[in-house]
Protein backbone atom coordinates (compact mmCIF):
# COMPACT_ATOMS: atom_id res chain seq x y z
CA UNK A 1 0.00 0.00 0.00
CA UNK A 2 1.52 3.27 -1.10
CA UNK A 3 0.36 5.94 1.34
CA UNK A 4 1.57 9.45 0.68
CA UNK A 5 1.63 12.26 3.22
CA UNK A 6 1.84 15.98 2.69
CA UNK A 7 3.51 18.13 5.33
CA UNK A 8 3.34 21.85 5.96
CA UNK A 9 5.37 23.07 8.91
CA UNK A 10 3.61 26.28 9.78
CA UNK A 11 2.89 25.96 13.50
CA UNK A 12 4.80 26.14 16.79
CA UNK A 13 4.99 22.94 18.82
CA UNK A 14 6.47 22.74 22.32
CA UNK A 15 7.42 19.16 23.09
CA UNK A 16 7.94 18.44 26.75
CA UNK A 17 9.53 15.05 26.12
CA UNK A 18 12.85 14.01 24.53
CA UNK A 19 11.48 13.78 21.01
CA UNK A 20 10.39 15.87 18.10
CA UNK A 21 7.17 15.39 16.16
CA UNK A 22 6.17 16.12 12.61
CA UNK A 23 2.49 16.45 11.83
CA UNK A 24 1.18 15.52 8.39
CA UNK A 25 -2.16 15.33 6.55
CA UNK A 26 -3.13 12.12 4.73
CA UNK A 27 -4.19 12.89 1.18
CA UNK A 28 -7.06 10.40 1.20
CA UNK A 29 -8.54 10.81 4.66
CA UNK A 30 -8.71 12.83 7.86
CA UNK A 31 -5.71 11.34 9.65
CA UNK A 32 -2.81 13.02 11.48
CA UNK A 33 0.54 11.23 11.33
CA UNK A 34 3.19 11.56 13.99
CA UNK A 35 6.73 10.20 13.58
CA UNK A 36 9.10 10.29 16.50
CA UNK A 37 12.86 10.68 16.39
CA UNK A 38 15.08 10.36 19.43
CA UNK A 39 17.01 13.49 20.31
CA UNK A 40 18.43 15.24 23.35
CA UNK A 41 16.09 16.07 26.21
CA UNK A 42 15.12 19.59 25.23
CA UNK A 43 12.13 21.56 24.18
CA UNK A 44 11.89 21.86 20.44
CA UNK A 45 10.05 24.82 18.96
CA UNK A 46 9.29 24.66 15.28
CA UNK A 47 8.17 28.00 13.88
CA UNK A 48 9.20 28.03 10.24
CA UNK A 49 7.29 28.24 7.02
CA UNK A 50 8.06 25.55 4.42
CA UNK A 51 6.33 24.65 1.20
CA UNK A 52 4.22 21.46 1.26
CA UNK A 53 6.02 18.37 0.02
CA UNK A 54 4.99 14.76 -0.59
CA UNK A 55 6.28 12.01 1.62
CA UNK A 56 6.20 8.32 0.64
CA UNK A 57 5.65 6.17 3.68
CA UNK A 58 7.00 3.10 1.87
CA UNK A 59 10.34 4.83 1.22
CA UNK A 60 10.78 7.76 3.60
CA UNK A 61 14.01 9.73 3.29
CA UNK A 62 16.36 9.44 6.25
CA UNK A 63 14.85 6.18 7.54
CA UNK A 64 16.21 2.68 7.05
CA UNK A 65 13.32 0.31 6.42
CA UNK A 66 15.59 -2.70 7.13
CA UNK A 67 16.50 -1.46 10.56
CA UNK A 68 15.30 -3.70 13.34
CA UNK A 69 12.27 -2.32 15.09
CA UNK A 70 12.51 -1.01 18.58
CA UNK A 71 11.60 -3.59 21.20
CA UNK A 72 9.11 -1.23 22.80
CA UNK A 73 7.37 1.58 20.99
CA UNK A 74 8.03 4.92 22.60
CA UNK A 75 5.27 6.53 24.56
CA UNK A 76 3.65 9.28 22.50
CA UNK A 77 4.59 12.68 23.88
CA UNK A 78 2.08 15.06 25.31
CA UNK A 79 1.64 17.87 22.82
CA UNK A 80 1.12 21.27 24.28
CA UNK A 81 0.95 24.09 21.78
CA UNK A 82 2.39 27.50 22.42
CA UNK A 83 0.03 30.41 22.81
CA UNK A 84 -1.60 30.94 19.45
CA UNK A 85 -0.70 27.48 18.05
CA UNK A 86 -4.26 26.19 18.04
CA UNK A 87 -5.53 29.36 16.46
CA UNK A 88 -2.81 29.27 13.80
CA UNK A 89 -3.63 25.68 12.84
CA UNK A 90 -7.36 26.45 12.78
CA UNK A 91 -6.79 29.40 10.48
CA UNK A 92 -4.48 27.38 8.24
CA UNK A 93 -7.05 24.65 7.58
CA UNK A 94 -10.17 26.87 7.87
CA UNK A 95 -11.66 24.99 10.81
CA UNK A 96 -12.65 25.96 14.31
CA UNK A 97 -10.26 25.83 17.24
CA UNK A 98 -12.46 23.22 18.85
CA UNK A 99 -11.91 20.95 15.82
CA UNK A 100 -8.11 21.20 16.16
CA UNK A 101 -8.31 20.45 19.87
CA UNK A 102 -10.57 17.47 19.24
CA UNK A 103 -8.18 16.03 16.62
CA UNK A 104 -5.15 16.42 18.86
CA UNK A 105 -6.97 14.85 21.78
CA UNK A 106 -8.05 11.88 19.67
CA UNK A 107 -4.48 11.53 18.36
CA UNK A 108 -3.17 11.11 21.90
CA UNK A 109 -5.92 8.63 22.79
CA UNK A 110 -5.58 6.41 19.69
CA UNK A 111 -1.77 6.27 19.36
CA UNK A 112 -0.61 2.68 18.64
CA UNK A 113 3.02 2.01 17.69
CA UNK A 114 3.47 5.62 16.73
CA UNK A 115 0.41 5.62 14.43
CA UNK A 116 -2.83 7.42 15.15
CA UNK A 117 -6.35 7.44 13.69
CA UNK A 118 -8.40 10.59 13.99
CA UNK A 119 -10.98 9.82 11.32
CA UNK A 120 -14.58 10.67 12.17
CA UNK A 121 -16.90 8.04 13.65
CA UNK A 122 -19.96 8.81 11.55
CA UNK A 123 -19.28 6.45 8.67
CA UNK A 124 -22.08 4.09 9.65
CA UNK A 125 -24.57 6.63 11.00
CA UNK A 126 -24.63 9.43 8.43
CA UNK A 127 -26.22 10.01 5.03
CA UNK A 128 -29.74 9.59 3.74
CA UNK A 129 -31.65 6.55 4.90
CA UNK A 130 -33.35 4.48 2.24
CA UNK A 131 -37.14 4.67 2.43
CA UNK A 132 -38.76 1.27 2.21
CA UNK A 133 -42.13 1.24 0.46
CA UNK A 134 -44.51 -1.62 1.19
CA UNK A 135 -45.84 -2.50 -2.26
CA UNK A 136 -48.45 -4.84 -0.80
CA UNK A 137 -49.88 -1.89 1.12
CA UNK A 138 -50.32 -0.02 -2.16
CA UNK A 139 -52.63 -2.76 -3.44
CA UNK A 140 -55.07 -2.09 -0.61
CA UNK A 141 -55.49 1.57 -1.62
CA UNK A 142 -58.56 2.15 -3.82
CA UNK A 143 -57.89 3.31 -7.37
CA UNK A 144 -59.82 6.50 -6.69
CA UNK A 145 -57.10 7.46 -4.21
CA UNK A 146 -54.28 6.58 -6.61
CA UNK A 147 -55.08 9.21 -9.24
CA UNK A 148 -52.21 11.57 -8.34
CA UNK A 149 -48.78 11.14 -6.84
CA UNK A 150 -49.83 13.36 -3.92
CA UNK A 151 -52.92 11.33 -3.05
CA UNK A 152 -51.05 8.02 -3.45
CA UNK A 153 -48.19 9.16 -1.24
CA UNK A 154 -50.66 10.40 1.37
CA UNK A 155 -52.56 7.10 1.31
CA UNK A 156 -49.48 4.92 1.96
CA UNK A 157 -47.82 7.50 4.28
CA UNK A 158 -44.63 8.07 2.27
CA UNK A 159 -43.06 11.06 0.56
CA UNK A 160 -44.30 11.85 -2.92
CA UNK A 161 -40.71 11.95 -4.17
CA UNK A 162 -40.52 8.16 -3.79
CA UNK A 163 -43.27 7.57 -6.31
CA UNK A 164 -43.37 8.00 -10.08
CA UNK A 165 -46.02 10.28 -11.56
CA UNK A 166 -48.61 8.45 -13.63
CA UNK A 167 -52.38 8.44 -14.00
CA UNK A 168 -52.76 5.22 -12.02
CA UNK A 169 -50.28 3.11 -10.09
CA UNK A 170 -50.88 -0.51 -11.00
CA UNK A 171 -49.06 -3.79 -10.42
CA UNK A 172 -48.30 -6.25 -13.16
CA UNK A 173 -50.99 -8.62 -11.86
CA UNK A 174 -53.66 -5.90 -11.64
CA UNK A 175 -56.18 -5.35 -14.40
CA UNK A 176 -56.32 -1.85 -15.81
CA UNK A 177 -59.66 -0.29 -14.85
CA UNK A 178 -62.24 0.79 -17.36
CA UNK A 179 -62.24 4.58 -17.39
CA UNK A 180 -64.99 6.82 -18.66
CA UNK A 181 -65.36 10.58 -18.80
CA UNK A 182 -68.63 12.38 -18.28
CA UNK A 183 -69.62 15.56 -20.02
CA UNK A 184 -68.43 18.78 -18.42
CA UNK A 185 -72.06 19.59 -17.78
CA UNK A 186 -72.16 16.81 -15.18
CA UNK A 187 -68.85 17.50 -13.43
CA UNK A 188 -69.43 18.00 -9.72
CA UNK A 189 -68.83 21.68 -8.88
CA UNK A 190 -69.57 23.68 -5.75
CA UNK A 191 -68.91 27.38 -5.13
CA UNK A 192 -67.61 28.54 -1.76
CA UNK A 193 -67.41 31.87 0.05
CA UNK A 194 -64.24 32.01 2.16
CA UNK A 195 -63.25 34.67 4.68
CA UNK A 196 -59.83 34.93 6.34
CA UNK A 197 -57.94 37.56 8.33
CA UNK A 198 -54.37 37.86 9.48
CA UNK A 199 -53.62 35.57 12.43
CA UNK A 200 -52.50 37.00 15.78
CA UNK A 201 -49.76 35.65 18.06
CA UNK A 202 -48.52 36.75 21.48
CA UNK A 203 -44.92 37.63 22.33
CA UNK A 204 -44.16 33.95 22.97
CA UNK A 205 -45.47 32.86 19.57
CA UNK A 206 -48.66 31.33 20.96
CA UNK A 207 -51.67 31.61 18.68
CA UNK A 208 -54.31 34.07 19.82
CA UNK A 209 -56.44 34.28 16.69
CA UNK A 210 -56.24 31.77 13.83
CA UNK A 211 -57.52 34.24 11.24
CA UNK A 212 -59.95 31.69 9.79
CA UNK A 213 -63.42 33.25 9.84
CA UNK A 214 -65.21 30.55 7.87
CA UNK A 215 -65.86 28.89 4.53
CA UNK A 216 -69.44 28.64 3.28
CA UNK A 217 -70.67 26.46 0.39
CA UNK A 218 -73.40 27.73 -1.91
CA UNK A 219 -75.71 24.75 -1.64
CA UNK A 220 -79.35 24.02 -0.84
CA UNK A 221 -81.05 21.12 0.92
CA UNK A 222 -83.99 19.75 -1.02
CA UNK A 223 -86.08 16.58 -0.59
CA UNK A 224 -85.68 13.91 -3.28
CA UNK A 225 -88.64 13.81 -5.63
CA UNK A 226 -88.45 10.08 -6.36
CA UNK A 227 -86.87 6.95 -4.95
CA UNK A 228 -83.63 5.46 -6.26
CA UNK A 229 -81.09 2.81 -5.32
CA UNK A 230 -79.25 5.43 -3.27
CA UNK A 231 -82.10 6.98 -1.22
CA UNK A 232 -85.82 6.94 -0.71
CA UNK A 233 -88.18 9.66 -1.86
CA UNK A 234 -88.32 12.64 0.48
CA UNK A 235 -84.70 12.27 1.67
CA UNK A 236 -82.95 15.61 1.94
CA UNK A 237 -80.30 16.01 -0.74
CA UNK A 238 -77.50 18.55 -0.98
CA UNK A 239 -77.53 20.35 -4.31
CA UNK A 240 -75.13 22.98 -5.53
CA UNK A 241 -76.49 26.37 -6.53
CA UNK A 242 -76.16 26.82 -10.26
CA UNK A 243 -76.50 30.60 -10.07
CA UNK A 244 -75.39 32.93 -7.27
CA UNK A 245 -76.86 36.43 -7.44
CA UNK A 246 -76.43 39.58 -5.41
CA UNK A 247 -79.29 38.76 -3.06
CA UNK A 248 -77.68 35.44 -2.13
CA UNK A 249 -74.32 37.13 -1.59
CA UNK A 250 -75.99 39.71 0.67
CA UNK A 251 -77.71 37.06 2.76
CA UNK A 252 -74.47 35.11 3.18
CA UNK A 253 -72.56 38.23 4.19
CA UNK A 254 -75.18 39.38 6.72
CA UNK A 255 -76.28 35.98 8.10
CA UNK A 256 -72.98 34.06 8.04
CA UNK A 257 -69.87 36.22 7.65
CA UNK A 258 -70.73 39.09 10.00
CA UNK A 259 -71.81 36.86 12.94
CA UNK A 260 -68.64 34.76 12.62
CA UNK A 261 -66.47 37.88 12.59
CA UNK A 262 -68.07 39.12 15.79
CA UNK A 263 -67.76 35.71 17.44
CA UNK A 264 -64.13 34.98 16.47
CA UNK A 265 -62.53 38.43 16.46
CA UNK A 266 -60.00 38.75 19.33
CA UNK A 267 -61.17 40.79 22.31
CA UNK A 268 -59.65 44.20 22.91
CA UNK A 269 -58.88 44.69 19.22
CA UNK A 270 -61.88 46.75 18.16
CA UNK A 271 -60.59 48.50 15.06
CA UNK A 272 -62.16 49.28 11.71
CA UNK A 273 -62.47 45.99 9.84
CA UNK A 274 -62.41 46.09 6.04
CA UNK A 275 -63.84 43.18 4.08
CA UNK A 276 -62.11 43.10 0.71
CA UNK A 277 -63.94 41.50 -2.21
CA UNK A 278 -63.12 41.21 -5.88
CA UNK A 279 -64.96 43.07 -8.61
CA UNK A 280 -67.49 40.39 -9.59
CA UNK A 281 -70.80 41.86 -10.72
CA UNK A 282 -72.78 39.89 -8.16
CA UNK A 283 -70.78 41.25 -5.22
CA UNK A 284 -72.17 43.96 -3.00
CA UNK A 285 -71.65 47.65 -3.45
CA UNK A 286 -69.46 49.06 -0.64
CA UNK A 287 -72.33 51.42 0.23
CA UNK A 288 -75.05 48.76 0.27
CA UNK A 289 -77.62 50.02 2.77
CA UNK A 290 -78.63 46.66 4.27
CA UNK A 291 -75.08 45.52 4.74
CA UNK A 292 -73.92 48.84 6.24
CA UNK A 293 -76.78 48.75 8.75
CA UNK A 294 -75.96 45.19 9.85
CA UNK A 295 -72.20 45.82 9.93
CA UNK A 296 -72.48 48.73 12.37
CA UNK A 297 -74.25 46.75 15.08
CA UNK A 298 -72.82 45.42 18.39
CA UNK A 299 -70.10 48.05 18.53
CA UNK A 300 -68.24 46.87 15.42
CA UNK A 301 -67.16 49.05 12.52
CA UNK A 302 -67.11 46.73 9.50
CA UNK A 303 -66.85 48.11 5.98
CA UNK A 304 -66.73 46.77 2.43
CA UNK A 305 -64.09 47.55 -0.17
CA UNK A 306 -63.13 46.21 -3.59
CA UNK A 307 -59.66 45.17 -4.64
CA UNK A 308 -57.95 47.02 -7.52
CA UNK A 309 -58.92 45.72 -10.94
CA UNK A 310 -56.63 43.31 -12.78
CA UNK A 311 -54.65 42.69 -9.60
CA UNK A 312 -55.20 39.09 -8.46
CA UNK A 313 -52.08 39.19 -6.28
CA UNK A 314 -53.80 41.75 -4.03
CA UNK A 315 -56.39 39.15 -3.04
CA UNK A 316 -55.10 37.03 -0.18
CA UNK A 317 -57.24 34.08 -1.27
CA UNK A 318 -56.01 34.05 -4.87
CA UNK A 319 -52.43 34.78 -3.81
CA UNK A 320 -51.91 31.52 -2.01
CA UNK A 321 -54.75 30.37 0.21
CA UNK A 322 -56.93 28.68 -2.45
CA UNK A 323 -53.89 26.90 -3.94
CA UNK A 324 -52.99 25.50 -0.54
CA UNK A 325 -56.57 24.37 0.08
CA UNK A 326 -56.62 22.69 -3.33
CA UNK A 327 -53.35 20.96 -2.49
CA UNK A 328 -54.85 19.54 0.69
CA UNK A 329 -57.99 18.53 -1.18
CA UNK A 330 -55.94 16.41 -3.60
CA UNK A 331 -55.39 13.98 -0.75
CA UNK A 332 -59.10 13.15 -0.79
CA UNK A 333 -61.25 11.56 -3.47
CA UNK A 334 -64.82 12.77 -2.85
CA UNK A 335 -67.63 11.04 -4.73
CA UNK A 336 -70.64 13.14 -3.73
CA UNK A 337 -71.31 16.79 -3.01
CA UNK A 338 -71.50 16.08 0.72
CA UNK A 339 -68.09 14.40 0.63
CA UNK A 340 -66.66 17.30 -1.37
CA UNK A 341 -67.97 19.89 1.09
CA UNK A 342 -66.68 17.87 4.03
CA UNK A 343 -63.24 17.52 2.43
CA UNK A 344 -63.01 21.26 1.70
CA UNK A 345 -64.07 22.21 5.22
CA UNK A 346 -61.57 19.80 6.79
CA UNK A 347 -58.82 21.15 4.53
CA UNK A 348 -59.78 24.67 5.57
CA UNK A 349 -59.60 23.82 9.27
CA UNK A 350 -56.32 21.91 8.84
CA UNK A 351 -54.57 24.83 7.16
CA UNK A 352 -51.81 26.11 9.52
CA UNK A 353 -52.33 29.72 10.69
CA UNK A 354 -48.57 30.38 10.51
CA UNK A 355 -48.55 29.70 6.77
CA UNK A 356 -51.56 32.00 6.41
CA UNK A 357 -49.55 34.67 8.22
CA UNK A 358 -46.74 34.25 5.68
CA UNK A 359 -49.17 34.88 2.81
CA UNK A 360 -50.00 38.26 4.32
CA UNK A 361 -46.27 39.07 4.29
CA UNK A 362 -46.15 38.06 0.63
CA UNK A 363 -49.12 40.36 -0.02
CA UNK A 364 -47.15 43.32 1.31
CA UNK A 365 -44.12 42.47 -0.84
CA UNK A 366 -46.42 42.35 -3.89
CA UNK A 367 -47.71 45.82 -3.01
CA UNK A 368 -44.14 47.13 -2.95
CA UNK A 369 -43.49 45.56 -6.37
CA UNK A 370 -46.60 47.22 -7.78
CA UNK A 371 -45.46 50.58 -6.42
CA UNK A 372 -42.07 50.18 -8.06
CA UNK A 373 -43.73 49.29 -11.35
CA UNK A 374 -46.12 52.27 -11.17
CA UNK A 375 -49.13 49.97 -11.08
CA UNK A 376 -47.79 47.44 -13.57
CA UNK A 377 -48.57 43.85 -12.57
CA UNK A 378 -45.84 42.11 -14.59
CA UNK A 379 -43.44 41.03 -11.87
CA UNK A 380 -42.27 37.93 -10.06
CA UNK A 381 -43.63 37.29 -6.60
CA UNK A 382 -40.75 37.99 -4.17
CA UNK A 383 -39.35 35.24 -1.98
CA UNK A 384 -37.79 36.39 1.29
CA UNK A 385 -37.34 32.97 3.00
CA UNK A 386 -40.24 33.57 5.38
CA UNK A 387 -40.02 30.13 6.98
CA UNK A 388 -36.38 30.72 7.97
CA UNK A 389 -37.16 34.20 9.31
CA UNK A 390 -40.09 32.81 11.29
CA UNK A 391 -37.95 30.04 12.74
CA UNK A 392 -35.42 32.65 13.86
CA UNK A 393 -38.16 34.90 15.26
CA UNK A 394 -37.36 37.69 12.78
CA UNK A 395 -40.42 37.55 10.50
CA UNK A 396 -41.69 41.15 10.33
CA UNK A 397 -45.35 42.03 10.77
CA UNK A 398 -45.01 44.87 8.28
CA UNK A 399 -42.62 44.96 5.36
CA UNK A 400 -40.48 48.06 5.05
CA UNK A 401 -41.18 50.42 2.15
CA UNK A 402 -38.88 53.26 1.13
CA UNK A 403 -40.38 56.69 1.90
CA UNK A 404 -38.88 58.12 -1.28
CA UNK A 405 -40.70 55.45 -3.27
CA UNK A 406 -44.02 56.50 -1.72
CA UNK A 407 -43.36 60.16 -2.48
CA UNK A 408 -42.37 59.43 -6.07
CA UNK A 409 -45.54 57.38 -6.63
CA UNK A 410 -47.70 60.17 -5.18
CA UNK A 411 -46.06 62.71 -7.50
CA UNK A 412 -46.50 60.37 -10.45
CA UNK A 413 -50.22 59.90 -9.69
CA UNK A 414 -50.79 63.62 -9.30
CA UNK A 415 -49.01 64.39 -12.58
CA UNK A 416 -50.82 61.67 -14.52
CA UNK A 417 -54.24 62.80 -13.27
């Protein structure tokens, strides 16, 4: 075995025994080599800079390989560096001082016949662990829950990166199912009205207000007109509304949204609450008389406002909340309207408030981008590593905006008008 060592004498060593040591770095590992040579009893201080050179252990210069070995290997000396030695070595190899001290300590503890081993002990306990997937468990999952890689991974409790993306995941001994596609007129669809606010946390990070007001499906309950194999006549059925007008929106806002806001809003935080809606024709006018009368009751000041046109990123639901809910819904495979509504509501309740809080931070960064673009909406959504900032406790509640930018936008609006 031809083992080559490279030496760089750039440190000061104070040897308290009658020997001198040379420290080298193995080119193929993390080992420190010490070779002892008998000399007078004196303290040797090496403090010279030499260029690195290669050293062949099989044929070292100045050593006779045929020389009879010593009957007893000498006791390894106790190395005690001068002041600044540890720091100099750490700076030379770009490691911490604690690493140098650990290597020297392990060299003293593992010295056998003048040879030491300071390699790390993580060879058998480091690296990625192979994920074992039980293929027999996959057979027990219904095909309806194997339609996407996300739903399949969720069903067998493994990461989606371990599966291959296909339409179905079949075994060689499984028969491919007969698949049909209905007309789009018969695809199950349900509209929902969702309301969220920014979550609140105390100084210790404990949740005070989840920010989830509620999610309300636009459905009706009607008795079945005739009997079928699924239910008897007169059984109440859930049917989706095919058309949602302004009167229905008004009733939902007054009878569902406003009571939930009053019930869930944190105490002691009575401020003006603005409900932002998009510019759909069926939505209420901000000055709707019935809504304004109901919104001013019980000591609350609740007002309506519309988001700017052609600005979907200024809607917190379109910015990220609906995508996250849809992602959670992919784990389910609802067959009926009741199952679909139940899956959406459970996904809504399972959504973490901390992620909802991050979306509000993203909303503020989008506002700053729009200001810089003078109202132009062609920009990339900024990424500020919110999860890392939150883990470090440095996630801001309000994003900073340059005062000069605000003044320039105000001047630009005044000049363009």
